[in-house]
Amino acid sequence: MSVPEAVDRGLLIAAVVVIVIAGAGLLARIWRGPSMLDRAISLDVCAALIIAGLGAKSAFARDPFYFPIMLVLAFLGFTGSVGIARFIAVRDRPPGRQRADGPEAPGREAP
């Protein structure tokens, strides 16, 4: 094994170790909470860590097979985050507040 290959292998092993440590911290954040928003952000980071792990595996094997899977996971992670954010925004809205685009919004007449 040449020196660049040894450096490459060492960096990939270090990347996997960092991903595993981040995953352990992520699981602790999902478990302990304290709020639903923290858990939602942790699940989004979980998707990013899975993508990073697949990228490290792909680089280690020098195989581009996982690239489309990583792309789909990135899309699913994004849409899941947006969906969770909308759910939390609706749930956490104060009870007396109405939507700004409803008929009772300023400047609109009721039909």
C-alpha atoms as a PDB file:
ATOM      1  CA  MET A   1       0.000   0.000   0.000  1.00  0.00           C
ATOM      2  CA  SER A   2       1.389   3.391  -0.971  1.00  0.00           C
ATOM      3  CA  VAL A   3       1.474   6.450   1.266  1.00  0.00           C
ATOM      4  CA  PRO A   4      -1.504   8.228  -0.396  1.00  0.00           C
ATOM      5  CA  GLU A   5      -3.599   5.060  -0.066  1.00  0.00           C
ATOM      6  CA  ALA A   6      -2.673   4.766   3.618  1.00  0.00           C
ATOM      7  CA  VAL A   7      -3.578   8.418   4.225  1.00  0.00           C
ATOM      8  CA  ASP A   8      -6.842   7.917   2.327  1.00  0.00           C
ATOM      9  CA  ARG A   9      -7.714   4.852   4.404  1.00  0.00           C
ATOM     10  CA  GLY A  10      -6.826   6.650   7.653  1.00  0.00           C
ATOM     11  CA  LEU A  11      -9.009   9.641   6.777  1.00  0.00           C
ATOM     12  CA  LEU A  12     -11.931   7.389   5.880  1.00  0.00           C
ATOM     13  CA  ILE A  13     -11.599   5.521   9.177  1.00  0.00           C
ATOM     14  CA  ALA A  14     -11.499   8.843  11.032  1.00  0.00           C
ATOM     15  CA  ALA A  15     -14.641   9.961   9.158  1.00  0.00           C
ATOM     16  CA  VAL A  16     -16.474   6.781  10.151  1.00  0.00           C
ATOM     17  CA  VAL A  17     -15.424   7.231  13.791  1.00  0.00           C
ATOM     18  CA  VAL A  18     -16.729  10.821  13.768  1.00  0.00           C
ATOM     19  CA  ILE A  19     -20.005   9.655  12.191  1.00  0.00           C
ATOM     20  CA  VAL A  20     -20.426   6.969  14.873  1.00  0.00           C
ATOM     21  CA  ILE A  21     -19.723   9.457  17.694  1.00  0.00           C
ATOM     22  CA  ALA A  22     -22.190  11.927  16.161  1.00  0.00           C
ATOM     23  CA  GLY A  23     -24.752   9.126  15.894  1.00  0.00           C
ATOM     24  CA  ALA A  24     -24.372   8.312  19.591  1.00  0.00           C
ATOM     25  CA  GLY A  25     -24.917  11.966  20.506  1.00  0.00           C
ATOM     26  CA  LEU A  26     -27.854  12.095  18.129  1.00  0.00           C
ATOM     27  CA  LEU A  27     -29.527   9.110  19.767  1.00  0.00           C
ATOM     28  CA  ALA A  28     -29.077  10.753  23.166  1.00  0.00           C
ATOM     29  CA  ARG A  29     -30.742  13.930  21.871  1.00  0.00           C
ATOM     30  CA  ILE A  30     -33.647  11.958  20.394  1.00  0.00           C
ATOM     31  CA  TRP A  31     -34.091  10.031  23.658  1.00  0.00           C
ATOM     32  CA  ARG A  32     -33.831  12.976  26.096  1.00  0.00           C
ATOM     33  CA  GLY A  33     -35.666  15.619  24.140  1.00  0.00           C
ATOM     34  CA  PRO A  34     -36.571  18.131  25.827  1.00  0.00           C
ATOM     35  CA  SER A  35     -38.997  19.303  23.132  1.00  0.00           C
ATOM     36  CA  MET A  36     -40.600  17.937  20.009  1.00  0.00           C
ATOM     37  CA  LEU A  37     -38.609  20.391  17.899  1.00  0.00           C
ATOM     38  CA  ASP A  38     -35.319  18.997  19.269  1.00  0.00           C
ATOM     39  CA  ARG A  39     -36.423  15.509  18.317  1.00  0.00           C
ATOM     40  CA  ALA A  40     -37.460  16.649  14.834  1.00  0.00           C
ATOM     41  CA  ILE A  41     -34.104  18.318  14.231  1.00  0.00           C
ATOM     42  CA  SER A  42     -32.365  15.190  15.506  1.00  0.00           C
ATOM     43  CA  LEU A  43     -34.254  13.050  12.999  1.00  0.00           C
ATOM     44  CA  ASP A  44     -33.171  15.412  10.223  1.00  0.00           C
ATOM     45  CA  VAL A  45     -29.566  15.118  11.379  1.00  0.00           C
ATOM     46  CA  CYS A  46     -30.032  11.337  11.485  1.00  0.00           C
ATOM     47  CA  ALA A  47     -30.838  11.392   7.763  1.00  0.00           C
ATOM     48  CA  ALA A  48     -27.713  13.481   7.149  1.00  0.00           C
ATOM     49  CA  LEU A  49     -25.592  11.024   9.141  1.00  0.00           C
ATOM     50  CA  ILE A  50     -26.962   8.084   7.168  1.00  0.00           C
ATOM     51  CA  ILE A  51     -26.084   9.927   3.957  1.00  0.00           C
ATOM     52  CA  ALA A  52     -22.598  10.668   5.291  1.00  0.00           C
ATOM     53  CA  GLY A  53     -22.150   7.029   6.284  1.00  0.00           C
ATOM     54  CA  LEU A  54     -23.182   5.858   2.833  1.00  0.00           C
ATOM     55  CA  GLY A  55     -20.785   8.382   1.314  1.00  0.00           C
ATOM     56  CA  ALA A  56     -17.948   7.074   3.458  1.00  0.00           C
ATOM     57  CA  LYS A  57     -18.796   3.487   2.511  1.00  0.00           C
ATOM     58  CA  SER A  58     -18.938   4.462  -1.136  1.00  0.00           C
ATOM     59  CA  ALA A  59     -15.559   6.211  -0.901  1.00  0.00           C
ATOM     60  CA  PHE A  60     -14.046   3.284   0.999  1.00  0.00           C
ATOM     61  CA  ALA A  61     -15.223   0.777  -1.622  1.00  0.00           C
ATOM     62  CA  ARG A  62     -14.634   3.215  -4.495  1.00  0.00           C
ATOM     63  CA  ASP A  63     -18.083   2.324  -5.803  1.00  0.00           C
ATOM     64  CA  PRO A  64     -20.630   4.933  -6.968  1.00  0.00           C
ATOM     65  CA  PHE A  65     -23.560   2.539  -6.392  1.00  0.00           C
ATOM     66  CA  TYR A  66     -24.851   4.440  -3.338  1.00  0.00           C
ATOM     67  CA  PHE A  67     -25.020   7.894  -4.946  1.00  0.00           C
ATOM     68  CA  PRO A  68     -28.653   7.613  -6.158  1.00  0.00           C
ATOM     69  CA  ILE A  69     -29.656   6.201  -2.762  1.00  0.00           C
ATOM     70  CA  MET A  70     -27.980   9.156  -1.058  1.00  0.00           C
ATOM     71  CA  LEU A  71     -29.866  11.554  -3.355  1.00  0.00           C
ATOM     72  CA  VAL A  72     -33.229   9.957  -2.528  1.00  0.00           C
ATOM     73  CA  LEU A  73     -32.449  10.012   1.205  1.00  0.00           C
ATOM     74  CA  ALA A  74     -31.532  13.706   0.986  1.00  0.00           C
ATOM     75  CA  PHE A  75     -34.853  14.447  -0.705  1.00  0.00           C
ATOM     76  CA  LEU A  76     -36.805  12.424   1.858  1.00  0.00           C
ATOM     77  CA  GLY A  77     -34.952  14.086   4.729  1.00  0.00           C
ATOM     78  CA  PHE A  78     -35.750  17.535   3.362  1.00  0.00           C
ATOM     79  CA  THR A  79     -39.427  16.835   2.783  1.00  0.00           C
ATOM     80  CA  GLY A  80     -39.718  15.187   6.191  1.00  0.00           C
ATOM     81  CA  SER A  81     -38.160  18.214   7.867  1.00  0.00           C
ATOM     82  CA  VAL A  82     -40.519  20.586   6.079  1.00  0.00           C
ATOM     83  CA  GLY A  83     -43.510  18.443   7.010  1.00  0.00           C
ATOM     84  CA  ILE A  84     -42.505  18.245  10.663  1.00  0.00           C
ATOM     85  CA  ALA A  85     -41.833  21.995  10.768  1.00  0.00           C
ATOM     86  CA  ARG A  86     -45.291  22.737   9.350  1.00  0.00           C
ATOM     87  CA  PHE A  87     -46.915  20.363  11.831  1.00  0.00           C
ATOM     88  CA  ILE A  88     -45.106  21.959  14.768  1.00  0.00           C
ATOM     89  CA  ALA A  89     -45.907  25.473  13.504  1.00  0.00           C
ATOM     90  CA  VAL A  90     -49.632  24.665  13.333  1.00  0.00           C
ATOM     91  CA  ARG A  91     -49.597  22.889  16.678  1.00  0.00           C
ATOM     92  CA  ASP A  92     -47.739  25.666  18.490  1.00  0.00           C
ATOM     93  CA  ARG A  93     -49.858  28.531  17.109  1.00  0.00           C
ATOM     94  CA  PRO A  94     -51.599  30.528  19.867  1.00  0.00           C
ATOM     95  CA  PRO A  95     -55.332  29.696  20.064  1.00  0.00           C
ATOM     96  CA  GLY A  96     -56.655  33.201  19.293  1.00  0.00           C
ATOM     97  CA  ARG A  97     -54.480  33.803  16.250  1.00  0.00           C
ATOM     98  CA  GLN A  98     -55.933  33.317  12.780  1.00  0.00           C
ATOM     99  CA  ARG A  99     -54.161  32.776   9.495  1.00  0.00           C
ATOM    100  CA  ALA A 100     -53.200  35.959   7.632  1.00  0.00           C
ATOM    101  CA  ASP A 101     -54.763  34.778   4.361  1.00  0.00           C
ATOM    102  CA  GLY A 102     -58.201  34.022   5.816  1.00  0.00           C
ATOM    103  CA  PRO A 103     -61.329  36.158   5.321  1.00  0.00           C
ATOM    104  CA  GLU A 104     -60.754  37.933   8.635  1.00  0.00           C
ATOM    105  CA  ALA A 105     -57.338  39.210   7.510  1.00  0.00           C
ATOM    106  CA  PRO A 106     -56.945  43.017   7.411  1.00  0.00           C
ATOM    107  CA  GLY A 107     -57.961  44.570   4.117  1.00  0.00           C
ATOM    108  CA  ARG A 108     -60.325  41.773   3.067  1.00  0.00           C
ATOM    109  CA  GLU A 109     -64.070  41.898   3.095  1.00  0.00           C
ATOM    110  CA  ALA A 110     -66.104  38.990   4.363  1.00  0.00           C
ATOM    111  CA  PRO A 111     -68.256  37.413   1.587  1.00  0.00           C
END
